[in-house]
Amino acid sequence: MSDQQPGVPQTLEPLVARLLAPNASPYTYTGTQTYLVGTADLAVIDPGPEDASHTQAILDALAGRPLTAIVITHTHRDHSPGARALQAATGAPIVGCAPLAMDDDGIRADAAFDRDYAPDRVLADGDSVAGQGWTLTAIATPGHTSNHLCFALPETGASFSGDHVMGWSTSIVSPPDGNMGDYLRSLEKLQTRDDRIYYPGHGDPVDNPKRLVRGMIGHRKQREGQILCLLAQEPRTIPQMVAAMYVGIDRRLFPAAERSVLAHLIDLADRGLTVHGGDLWSLPVGASV
């Protein structure tokens, strides 16, 4: 499905189609995936950025069918701002994640937050929105953002994994809103489920979710081990750790890598495994790896 073109709907299964937003970047891959769920009446999941052409593509794909709900996984600006224009055109309610209740004073490496997001209904873990022949049930998965939700489609065994699980890349976890401990716990929560397939916010469907989630948990544990081994050698700054850990990646992604390393360090500090003074991070006195 790598030949997907922005604005051209693709049917993935009888209840699910997708539309690619025209916002490709090093952080969004080919662009944000918008999903249409249903046949007679529909839900739209993550209508994407504020882009008139993408909103029109969604309206064209609806083909006059009623829109029951505009469903939002999280409030990064590549996922939720399009909800406002879509609601204005259709009158459908905006439902899903809660608005963010904090300021992010960190340097964002991924999309900025949509501070104008105002849902008509906030869905908690286990809450559902439904239409004719389909149900979307919220799965609270904080970590990438504190308000992130995935959505299960029990009629087919699929789940919409937003930015929590993507096939093309691991998610950015950027403090202070992103939290590595929460992210890992959310991965472990998904690992207990038996979803048949994931439809992510970026990239192609994930057809073996358990295997991928298991690998993502292992990857994060590996990064944690790398950090502890580097700090066992000597105290280091985050840029020094990134240079040692992310050899060969596009340097444009270094700011994102620095945020993820910071998220790991904060989680390790919460567990008493790292300390810092100024820009330098180290192991506690007397600790060893």
C-alpha atoms as a PDB file:
ATOM      1  CA  MET A   1       0.000   0.000   0.000  1.00  0.00           C
ATOM      2  CA  SER A   2       3.061   2.258  -0.185  1.00  0.00           C
ATOM      3  CA  ASP A   3       1.741   3.841  -3.432  1.00  0.00           C
ATOM      4  CA  GLN A   4      -0.996   5.646  -1.492  1.00  0.00           C
ATOM      5  CA  GLN A   5      -1.731   9.156  -2.778  1.00  0.00           C
ATOM      6  CA  PRO A   6      -3.095  12.054  -0.659  1.00  0.00           C
ATOM      7  CA  GLY A   7      -6.830  12.567  -0.959  1.00  0.00           C
ATOM      8  CA  VAL A   8      -7.580   9.231  -2.671  1.00  0.00           C
ATOM      9  CA  PRO A   9      -9.647   6.892  -0.465  1.00  0.00           C
ATOM     10  CA  GLN A  10      -8.493   3.287  -0.085  1.00  0.00           C
ATOM     11  CA  THR A  11     -10.754   0.545   1.242  1.00  0.00           C
ATOM     12  CA  LEU A  12      -8.861  -1.591   3.755  1.00  0.00           C
ATOM     13  CA  GLU A  13     -11.756  -3.865   4.745  1.00  0.00           C
ATOM     14  CA  PRO A  14     -15.549  -3.568   4.361  1.00  0.00           C
ATOM     15  CA  LEU A  15     -15.930  -1.272   7.384  1.00  0.00           C
ATOM     16  CA  VAL A  16     -12.676   0.708   7.038  1.00  0.00           C
ATOM     17  CA  ALA A  17     -11.235   3.108   4.453  1.00  0.00           C
ATOM     18  CA  ARG A  18      -8.367   5.546   4.775  1.00  0.00           C
ATOM     19  CA  LEU A  19      -7.349   8.911   3.350  1.00  0.00           C
ATOM     20  CA  LEU A  20      -3.813  10.295   3.421  1.00  0.00           C
ATOM     21  CA  ALA A  21      -3.391  13.950   4.366  1.00  0.00           C
ATOM     22  CA  PRO A  22      -0.904  16.011   2.291  1.00  0.00           C
ATOM     23  CA  ASN A  23       1.488  16.661   5.188  1.00  0.00           C
ATOM     24  CA  ALA A  24       4.467  14.354   4.641  1.00  0.00           C
ATOM     25  CA  SER A  25       7.555  15.188   6.727  1.00  0.00           C
ATOM     26  CA  PRO A  26      10.391  13.460   8.619  1.00  0.00           C
ATOM     27  CA  TYR A  27       8.019  13.283  11.605  1.00  0.00           C
ATOM     28  CA  THR A  28       4.779  12.301   9.839  1.00  0.00           C
ATOM     29  CA  TYR A  29       6.233   9.884   7.255  1.00  0.00           C
ATOM     30  CA  THR A  30       3.964   9.985   4.174  1.00  0.00           C
ATOM     31  CA  GLY A  31       1.384  12.035   6.102  1.00  0.00           C
ATOM     32  CA  THR A  32      -1.427  11.621   8.614  1.00  0.00           C
ATOM     33  CA  GLN A  33      -3.859   8.761   7.996  1.00  0.00           C
ATOM     34  CA  THR A  34      -7.537   9.663   8.339  1.00  0.00           C
ATOM     35  CA  TYR A  35      -9.871   6.685   8.690  1.00  0.00           C
ATOM     36  CA  LEU A  36     -13.531   6.356   7.721  1.00  0.00           C
ATOM     37  CA  VAL A  37     -15.406   3.652   9.640  1.00  0.00           C
ATOM     38  CA  GLY A  38     -18.821   2.331   8.641  1.00  0.00           C
ATOM     39  CA  THR A  39     -20.967   1.945   5.534  1.00  0.00           C
ATOM     40  CA  ALA A  40     -24.424   3.494   6.023  1.00  0.00           C
ATOM     41  CA  ASP A  41     -23.351   6.093   8.568  1.00  0.00           C
ATOM     42  CA  LEU A  42     -19.727   6.764   9.400  1.00  0.00           C
ATOM     43  CA  ALA A  43     -17.140   7.886  11.894  1.00  0.00           C
ATOM     44  CA  VAL A  44     -14.031   9.790  10.826  1.00  0.00           C
ATOM     45  CA  ILE A  45     -10.947   9.120  12.955  1.00  0.00           C
ATOM     46  CA  ASP A  46      -8.303  11.876  13.064  1.00  0.00           C
ATOM     47  CA  PRO A  47      -9.345  14.329  10.327  1.00  0.00           C
ATOM     48  CA  GLY A  48      -5.790  15.603  10.236  1.00  0.00           C
ATOM     49  CA  PRO A  49      -4.280  19.079   9.982  1.00  0.00           C
ATOM     50  CA  GLU A  50      -6.088  22.267   9.101  1.00  0.00           C
ATOM     51  CA  ASP A  51      -6.052  21.765   5.340  1.00  0.00           C
ATOM     52  CA  ALA A  52      -8.992  22.653   3.092  1.00  0.00           C
ATOM     53  CA  SER A  53      -8.078  20.111   0.424  1.00  0.00           C
ATOM     54  CA  HIS A  54      -7.982  17.276   2.946  1.00  0.00           C
ATOM     55  CA  THR A  55     -11.286  18.307   4.508  1.00  0.00           C
ATOM     56  CA  GLN A  56     -12.843  18.318   1.035  1.00  0.00           C
ATOM     57  CA  ALA A  57     -11.385  14.867   0.330  1.00  0.00           C
ATOM     58  CA  ILE A  58     -13.055  13.576   3.507  1.00  0.00           C
ATOM     59  CA  LEU A  59     -16.391  15.137   2.493  1.00  0.00           C
ATOM     60  CA  ASP A  60     -16.078  13.621  -0.980  1.00  0.00           C
ATOM     61  CA  ALA A  61     -15.371  10.196   0.546  1.00  0.00           C
ATOM     62  CA  LEU A  62     -18.492  10.475   2.715  1.00  0.00           C
ATOM     63  CA  ALA A  63     -20.449  10.715  -0.528  1.00  0.00           C
ATOM     64  CA  GLY A  64     -23.478  12.191   1.181  1.00  0.00           C
ATOM     65  CA  ARG A  65     -23.652   9.567   3.931  1.00  0.00           C
ATOM     66  CA  PRO A  66     -24.284  10.907   7.458  1.00  0.00           C
ATOM     67  CA  LEU A  67     -21.279  11.475   9.695  1.00  0.00           C
ATOM     68  CA  THR A  68     -22.076  10.198  13.196  1.00  0.00           C
ATOM     69  CA  ALA A  69     -18.847  11.225  14.944  1.00  0.00           C
ATOM     70  CA  ILE A  70     -15.481  12.894  14.415  1.00  0.00           C
ATOM     71  CA  VAL A  71     -13.170  10.805  16.593  1.00  0.00           C
ATOM     72  CA  ILE A  72      -9.812  12.107  17.864  1.00  0.00           C
ATOM     73  CA  THR A  73      -6.930   9.980  19.182  1.00  0.00           C
ATOM     74  CA  HIS A  74      -4.806  12.895  20.464  1.00  0.00           C
ATOM     75  CA  THR A  75      -4.318  16.602  19.991  1.00  0.00           C
ATOM     76  CA  HIS A  76      -1.147  17.013  17.993  1.00  0.00           C
ATOM     77  CA  ARG A  77      -1.730  19.466  15.186  1.00  0.00           C
ATOM     78  CA  ASP A  78      -1.335  16.843  12.482  1.00  0.00           C
ATOM     79  CA  HIS A  79      -4.336  14.904  13.869  1.00  0.00           C
ATOM     80  CA  SER A  80      -7.106  17.053  15.361  1.00  0.00           C
ATOM     81  CA  PRO A  81      -7.381  20.589  13.853  1.00  0.00           C
ATOM     82  CA  GLY A  82      -9.255  19.352  10.784  1.00  0.00           C
ATOM     83  CA  ALA A  83     -12.133  18.421  13.104  1.00  0.00           C
ATOM     84  CA  ARG A  84     -13.372  22.012  13.229  1.00  0.00           C
ATOM     85  CA  ALA A  85     -13.878  22.441   9.486  1.00  0.00           C
ATOM     86  CA  LEU A  86     -15.359  18.959   9.219  1.00  0.00           C
ATOM     87  CA  GLN A  87     -17.804  19.710  12.028  1.00  0.00           C
ATOM     88  CA  ALA A  88     -18.767  23.017  10.397  1.00  0.00           C
ATOM     89  CA  ALA A  89     -19.529  21.183   7.153  1.00  0.00           C
ATOM     90  CA  THR A  90     -21.436  18.240   8.656  1.00  0.00           C
ATOM     91  CA  GLY A  91     -22.633  19.161  12.154  1.00  0.00           C
ATOM     92  CA  ALA A  92     -21.141  15.929  13.535  1.00  0.00           C
ATOM     93  CA  PRO A  93     -19.955  15.922  17.153  1.00  0.00           C
ATOM     94  CA  ILE A  94     -16.265  15.825  18.003  1.00  0.00           C
ATOM     95  CA  VAL A  95     -15.559  12.987  20.442  1.00  0.00           C
ATOM     96  CA  GLY A  96     -12.508  11.230  21.825  1.00  0.00           C
ATOM     97  CA  CYS A  97      -9.522  12.351  23.826  1.00  0.00           C
ATOM     98  CA  ALA A  98      -9.634  15.094  26.438  1.00  0.00           C
ATOM     99  CA  PRO A  99      -8.124  18.523  25.765  1.00  0.00           C
ATOM    100  CA  LEU A 100      -4.660  18.989  27.216  1.00  0.00           C
ATOM    101  CA  ALA A 101      -4.773  20.689  30.591  1.00  0.00           C
ATOM    102  CA  MET A 102      -1.131  21.751  30.749  1.00  0.00           C
ATOM    103  CA  ASP A 103       1.381  23.939  29.006  1.00  0.00           C
ATOM    104  CA  ASP A 104       4.269  22.241  27.257  1.00  0.00           C
ATOM    105  CA  ASP A 105       7.314  24.368  27.929  1.00  0.00           C
ATOM    106  CA  GLY A 106       9.691  21.899  26.302  1.00  0.00           C
ATOM    107  CA  ILE A 107      11.123  22.113  22.811  1.00  0.00           C
ATOM    108  CA  ARG A 108       8.751  20.130  20.645  1.00  0.00           C
ATOM    109  CA  ALA A 109      10.351  17.850  18.082  1.00  0.00           C
ATOM    110  CA  ASP A 110       7.081  16.567  16.646  1.00  0.00           C
ATOM    111  CA  ALA A 111       3.868  18.422  15.790  1.00  0.00           C
ATOM    112  CA  ALA A 112       2.739  21.111  18.205  1.00  0.00           C
ATOM    113  CA  PHE A 113      -0.421  20.724  20.244  1.00  0.00           C
ATOM    114  CA  ASP A 114      -3.832  21.817  19.003  1.00  0.00           C
ATOM    115  CA  ARG A 115      -4.767  24.243  21.766  1.00  0.00           C
ATOM    116  CA  ASP A 116      -8.172  25.044  20.204  1.00  0.00           C
ATOM    117  CA  TYR A 117      -9.425  21.459  20.404  1.00  0.00           C
ATOM    118  CA  ALA A 118     -12.837  21.422  22.119  1.00  0.00           C
ATOM    119  CA  PRO A 119     -14.606  18.034  22.055  1.00  0.00           C
ATOM    120  CA  ASP A 120     -18.351  17.681  22.474  1.00  0.00           C
ATOM    121  CA  ARG A 121     -17.784  14.463  24.397  1.00  0.00           C
ATOM    122  CA  VAL A 122     -14.654  13.116  26.098  1.00  0.00           C
ATOM    123  CA  LEU A 123     -14.293   9.341  26.006  1.00  0.00           C
ATOM    124  CA  ALA A 124     -12.705   7.581  28.979  1.00  0.00           C
ATOM    125  CA  ASP A 125     -11.137   4.132  28.827  1.00  0.00           C
ATOM    126  CA  GLY A 126     -13.861   1.676  27.782  1.00  0.00           C
ATOM    127  CA  ASP A 127     -16.337   4.307  26.548  1.00  0.00           C
ATOM    128  CA  SER A 128     -17.771   3.821  23.057  1.00  0.00           C
ATOM    129  CA  VAL A 129     -19.329   5.655  20.153  1.00  0.00           C
ATOM    130  CA  ALA A 130     -21.386   3.597  17.710  1.00  0.00           C
ATOM    131  CA  GLY A 131     -23.264   3.641  14.415  1.00  0.00           C
ATOM    132  CA  GLN A 132     -24.967   1.152  12.134  1.00  0.00           C
ATOM    133  CA  GLY A 133     -22.823  -2.002  12.216  1.00  0.00           C
ATOM    134  CA  TRP A 134     -19.803  -0.454  13.948  1.00  0.00           C
ATOM    135  CA  THR A 135     -18.557   0.422  17.431  1.00  0.00           C
ATOM    136  CA  LEU A 136     -15.417   2.327  18.429  1.00  0.00           C
ATOM    137  CA  THR A 137     -14.287   1.677  21.992  1.00  0.00           C
ATOM    138  CA  ALA A 138     -11.659   3.891  23.598  1.00  0.00           C
ATOM    139  CA  ILE A 139      -8.449   2.369  24.944  1.00  0.00           C
ATOM    140  CA  ALA A 140      -6.569   4.834  27.155  1.00  0.00           C
ATOM    141  CA  THR A 141      -2.928   4.743  26.034  1.00  0.00           C
ATOM    142  CA  PRO A 142      -1.049   7.703  27.545  1.00  0.00           C
ATOM    143  CA  GLY A 143       2.629   8.098  26.813  1.00  0.00           C
ATOM    144  CA  HIS A 144       3.135   9.697  23.403  1.00  0.00           C
ATOM    145  CA  THR A 145       0.798  12.319  24.825  1.00  0.00           C
ATOM    146  CA  SER A 146      -0.993  12.272  28.161  1.00  0.00           C
ATOM    147  CA  ASN A 147      -4.409  12.294  26.440  1.00  0.00           C
ATOM    148  CA  HIS A 148      -3.773   9.623  23.792  1.00  0.00           C
ATOM    149  CA  LEU A 149      -6.503   7.099  22.988  1.00  0.00           C
ATOM    150  CA  CYS A 150      -6.527   4.095  20.699  1.00  0.00           C
ATOM    151  CA  PHE A 151      -9.871   2.802  19.416  1.00  0.00           C
ATOM    152  CA  ALA A 152     -10.978  -0.814  19.049  1.00  0.00           C
ATOM    153  CA  LEU A 153     -13.436  -1.890  16.347  1.00  0.00           C
ATOM    154  CA  PRO A 154     -14.813  -5.093  17.923  1.00  0.00           C
ATOM    155  CA  GLU A 155     -16.903  -6.009  14.875  1.00  0.00           C
ATOM    156  CA  THR A 156     -13.703  -6.847  12.946  1.00  0.00           C
ATOM    157  CA  GLY A 157     -10.997  -7.211  15.615  1.00  0.00           C
ATOM    158  CA  ALA A 158      -9.155  -4.140  14.363  1.00  0.00           C
ATOM    159  CA  SER A 159      -7.787  -1.260  16.421  1.00  0.00           C
ATOM    160  CA  PHE A 160      -6.845   2.263  15.415  1.00  0.00           C
ATOM    161  CA  SER A 161      -3.528   2.848  17.169  1.00  0.00           C
ATOM    162  CA  GLY A 162      -3.016   6.570  16.511  1.00  0.00           C
ATOM    163  CA  ASP A 163       0.595   7.538  17.181  1.00  0.00           C
ATOM    164  CA  HIS A 164       1.039   5.062  20.027  1.00  0.00           C
ATOM    165  CA  VAL A 165       1.986   2.205  17.686  1.00  0.00           C
ATOM    166  CA  MET A 166       3.108   2.821  14.100  1.00  0.00           C
ATOM    167  CA  GLY A 167       4.599   0.383  11.631  1.00  0.00           C
ATOM    168  CA  TRP A 168       7.141   2.777  10.129  1.00  0.00           C
ATOM    169  CA  SER A 169       8.778   4.150  13.297  1.00  0.00           C
ATOM    170  CA  THR A 170       8.666   4.180  17.066  1.00  0.00           C
ATOM    171  CA  SER A 171       6.698   7.059  18.597  1.00  0.00           C
ATOM    172  CA  ILE A 172       8.299  10.193  19.935  1.00  0.00           C
ATOM    173  CA  VAL A 173       7.870  10.544  23.692  1.00  0.00           C
ATOM    174  CA  SER A 174       8.587  14.176  24.515  1.00  0.00           C
ATOM    175  CA  PRO A 175       8.408  15.515  28.099  1.00  0.00           C
ATOM    176  CA  PRO A 176       6.804  17.164  29.891  1.00  0.00           C
ATOM    177  CA  ASP A 177       3.562  15.882  28.355  1.00  0.00           C
ATOM    178  CA  GLY A 178       5.066  12.695  26.928  1.00  0.00           C
ATOM    179  CA  ASN A 179       5.909  10.164  29.632  1.00  0.00           C
ATOM    180  CA  MET A 180       8.077   7.095  29.028  1.00  0.00           C
ATOM    181  CA  GLY A 181       6.771   5.167  32.024  1.00  0.00           C
ATOM    182  CA  ASP A 182       3.188   5.701  30.856  1.00  0.00           C
ATOM    183  CA  TYR A 183       4.161   4.822  27.299  1.00  0.00           C
ATOM    184  CA  LEU A 184       5.638   1.468  28.323  1.00  0.00           C
ATOM    185  CA  ARG A 185       2.673   0.662  30.539  1.00  0.00           C
ATOM    186  CA  SER A 186       0.346   1.440  27.633  1.00  0.00           C
ATOM    187  CA  LEU A 187       2.337  -0.862  25.353  1.00  0.00           C
ATOM    188  CA  GLU A 188       2.077  -3.603  27.941  1.00  0.00           C
ATOM    189  CA  LYS A 189      -1.677  -2.967  28.107  1.00  0.00           C
ATOM    190  CA  LEU A 190      -1.993  -3.415  24.341  1.00  0.00           C
ATOM    191  CA  GLN A 191       0.140  -6.552  24.535  1.00  0.00           C
ATOM    192  CA  THR A 192      -2.588  -8.222  26.625  1.00  0.00           C
ATOM    193  CA  ARG A 193      -5.168  -7.677  23.853  1.00  0.00           C
ATOM    194  CA  ASP A 194      -5.897  -9.915  20.858  1.00  0.00           C
ATOM    195  CA  ASP A 195      -6.358  -7.320  18.131  1.00  0.00           C
ATOM    196  CA  ARG A 196      -6.170  -8.740  14.613  1.00  0.00           C
ATOM    197  CA  ILE A 197      -4.664  -5.645  12.973  1.00  0.00           C
ATOM    198  CA  TYR A 198      -3.668  -2.060  13.815  1.00  0.00           C
ATOM    199  CA  TYR A 199      -4.469   0.920  11.635  1.00  0.00           C
ATOM    200  CA  PRO A 200      -1.913   3.560  12.730  1.00  0.00           C
ATOM    201  CA  GLY A 201      -1.877   7.329  12.453  1.00  0.00           C
ATOM    202  CA  HIS A 202       1.058   7.152  10.033  1.00  0.00           C
ATOM    203  CA  GLY A 203       2.115   4.389   7.683  1.00  0.00           C
ATOM    204  CA  ASP A 204       0.558   1.118   6.593  1.00  0.00           C
ATOM    205  CA  PRO A 205      -1.518  -1.335   8.661  1.00  0.00           C
ATOM    206  CA  VAL A 206       0.250  -3.531  11.209  1.00  0.00           C
ATOM    207  CA  ASP A 207      -0.852  -7.105  10.585  1.00  0.00           C
ATOM    208  CA  ASN A 208       0.903  -8.748  13.549  1.00  0.00           C
ATOM    209  CA  PRO A 209       0.269  -6.342  16.434  1.00  0.00           C
ATOM    210  CA  LYS A 210       1.473  -8.563  19.272  1.00  0.00           C
ATOM    211  CA  ARG A 211       4.829  -9.171  17.615  1.00  0.00           C
ATOM    212  CA  LEU A 212       5.350  -5.482  16.868  1.00  0.00           C
ATOM    213  CA  VAL A 213       4.351  -4.354  20.371  1.00  0.00           C
ATOM    214  CA  ARG A 214       6.644  -6.955  21.909  1.00  0.00           C
ATOM    215  CA  GLY A 215       9.465  -5.626  19.723  1.00  0.00           C
ATOM    216  CA  MET A 216       8.696  -2.028  20.686  1.00  0.00           C
ATOM    217  CA  ILE A 217       8.872  -2.875  24.387  1.00  0.00           C
ATOM    218  CA  GLY A 218      12.183  -4.615  23.751  1.00  0.00           C
ATOM    219  CA  HIS A 219      13.469  -1.624  21.808  1.00  0.00           C
ATOM    220  CA  ARG A 220      12.689   0.757  24.663  1.00  0.00           C
ATOM    221  CA  LYS A 221      14.341  -1.572  27.165  1.00  0.00           C
ATOM    222  CA  GLN A 222      17.382  -1.686  24.886  1.00  0.00           C
ATOM    223  CA  ARG A 223      17.552   2.122  24.766  1.00  0.00           C
ATOM    224  CA  GLU A 224      17.282   2.203  28.552  1.00  0.00           C
ATOM    225  CA  GLY A 225      20.187  -0.236  28.781  1.00  0.00           C
ATOM    226  CA  GLN A 226      22.269   1.875  26.393  1.00  0.00           C
ATOM    227  CA  ILE A 227      21.735   4.951  28.536  1.00  0.00           C
ATOM    228  CA  LEU A 228      22.720   3.170  31.740  1.00  0.00           C
ATOM    229  CA  CYS A 229      25.846   1.704  30.102  1.00  0.00           C
ATOM    230  CA  LEU A 230      26.926   5.117  28.795  1.00  0.00           C
ATOM    231  CA  LEU A 231      26.410   6.723  32.200  1.00  0.00           C
ATOM    232  CA  ALA A 232      28.338   3.897  33.867  1.00  0.00           C
ATOM    233  CA  GLN A 233      31.353   5.089  31.852  1.00  0.00           C
ATOM    234  CA  GLU A 234      31.049   8.772  32.762  1.00  0.00           C
ATOM    235  CA  PRO A 235      28.449  11.538  33.246  1.00  0.00           C
ATOM    236  CA  ARG A 236      27.115  12.805  29.930  1.00  0.00           C
ATOM    237  CA  THR A 237      24.812  15.401  28.397  1.00  0.00           C
ATOM    238  CA  ILE A 238      21.797  14.345  26.374  1.00  0.00           C
ATOM    239  CA  PRO A 239      23.360  15.437  23.032  1.00  0.00           C
ATOM    240  CA  GLN A 240      26.433  13.310  23.850  1.00  0.00           C
ATOM    241  CA  MET A 241      24.197  10.317  24.517  1.00  0.00           C
ATOM    242  CA  VAL A 242      22.200  10.838  21.318  1.00  0.00           C
ATOM    243  CA  ALA A 243      25.385  11.024  19.234  1.00  0.00           C
ATOM    244  CA  ALA A 244      26.524   7.710  20.705  1.00  0.00           C
ATOM    245  CA  MET A 245      23.142   5.950  20.540  1.00  0.00           C
ATOM    246  CA  TYR A 246      21.642   7.070  17.222  1.00  0.00           C
ATOM    247  CA  VAL A 247      24.470   6.439  14.791  1.00  0.00           C
ATOM    248  CA  GLY A 248      23.418   6.714  11.166  1.00  0.00           C
ATOM    249  CA  ILE A 249      19.986   8.337  11.552  1.00  0.00           C
ATOM    250  CA  ASP A 250      18.951  11.509   9.745  1.00  0.00           C
ATOM    251  CA  ARG A 251      20.366  14.361  11.815  1.00  0.00           C
ATOM    252  CA  ARG A 252      17.084  16.223  11.353  1.00  0.00           C
ATOM    253  CA  LEU A 253      15.665  13.640  13.782  1.00  0.00           C
ATOM    254  CA  PHE A 254      18.247  14.372  16.493  1.00  0.00           C
ATOM    255  CA  PRO A 255      15.945  16.847  18.318  1.00  0.00           C
ATOM    256  CA  ALA A 256      13.287  14.121  18.514  1.00  0.00           C
ATOM    257  CA  ALA A 257      15.879  11.615  19.722  1.00  0.00           C
ATOM    258  CA  GLU A 258      16.987  14.051  22.424  1.00  0.00           C
ATOM    259  CA  ARG A 259      13.406  14.322  23.683  1.00  0.00           C
ATOM    260  CA  SER A 260      13.048  10.538  23.815  1.00  0.00           C
ATOM    261  CA  VAL A 261      16.347  10.175  25.677  1.00  0.00           C
ATOM    262  CA  LEU A 262      15.162  12.831  28.126  1.00  0.00           C
ATOM    263  CA  ALA A 263      11.934  10.846  28.611  1.00  0.00           C
ATOM    264  CA  HIS A 264      13.977   7.734  29.383  1.00  0.00           C
ATOM    265  CA  LEU A 265      16.194   9.661  31.801  1.00  0.00           C
ATOM    266  CA  ILE A 266      13.214  11.099  33.672  1.00  0.00           C
ATOM    267  CA  ASP A 267      11.676   7.634  33.971  1.00  0.00           C
ATOM    268  CA  LEU A 268      14.994   6.225  35.200  1.00  0.00           C
ATOM    269  CA  ALA A 269      15.320   9.086  37.680  1.00  0.00           C
ATOM    270  CA  ASP A 270      11.805   8.390  38.981  1.00  0.00           C
ATOM    271  CA  ARG A 271      12.988   4.836  39.637  1.00  0.00           C
ATOM    272  CA  GLY A 272      16.142   6.045  41.409  1.00  0.00           C
ATOM    273  CA  LEU A 273      18.486   4.875  38.633  1.00  0.00           C
ATOM    274  CA  THR A 274      19.787   8.241  37.340  1.00  0.00           C
ATOM    275  CA  VAL A 275      20.495  11.693  38.732  1.00  0.00           C
ATOM    276  CA  HIS A 276      21.423  14.972  37.099  1.00  0.00           C
ATOM    277  CA  GLY A 277      23.007  18.300  37.854  1.00  0.00           C
ATOM    278  CA  GLY A 278      22.716  21.010  35.243  1.00  0.00           C
ATOM    279  CA  ASP A 279      23.024  19.413  31.819  1.00  0.00           C
ATOM    280  CA  LEU A 280      24.958  16.380  33.042  1.00  0.00           C
ATOM    281  CA  TRP A 281      23.284  13.064  33.826  1.00  0.00           C
ATOM    282  CA  SER A 282      24.946  10.294  35.808  1.00  0.00           C
ATOM    283  CA  LEU A 283      24.300   7.200  37.881  1.00  0.00           C
ATOM    284  CA  PRO A 284      23.673   7.647  41.602  1.00  0.00           C
ATOM    285  CA  VAL A 285      26.777   7.435  43.763  1.00  0.00           C
ATOM    286  CA  GLY A 286      27.704   3.795  44.281  1.00  0.00           C
ATOM    287  CA  ALA A 287      25.399   2.499  41.548  1.00  0.00           C
ATOM    288  CA  SER A 288      26.601   0.137  38.843  1.00  0.00           C
ATOM    289  CA  VAL A 289      25.089  -1.476  35.754  1.00  0.00           C
END
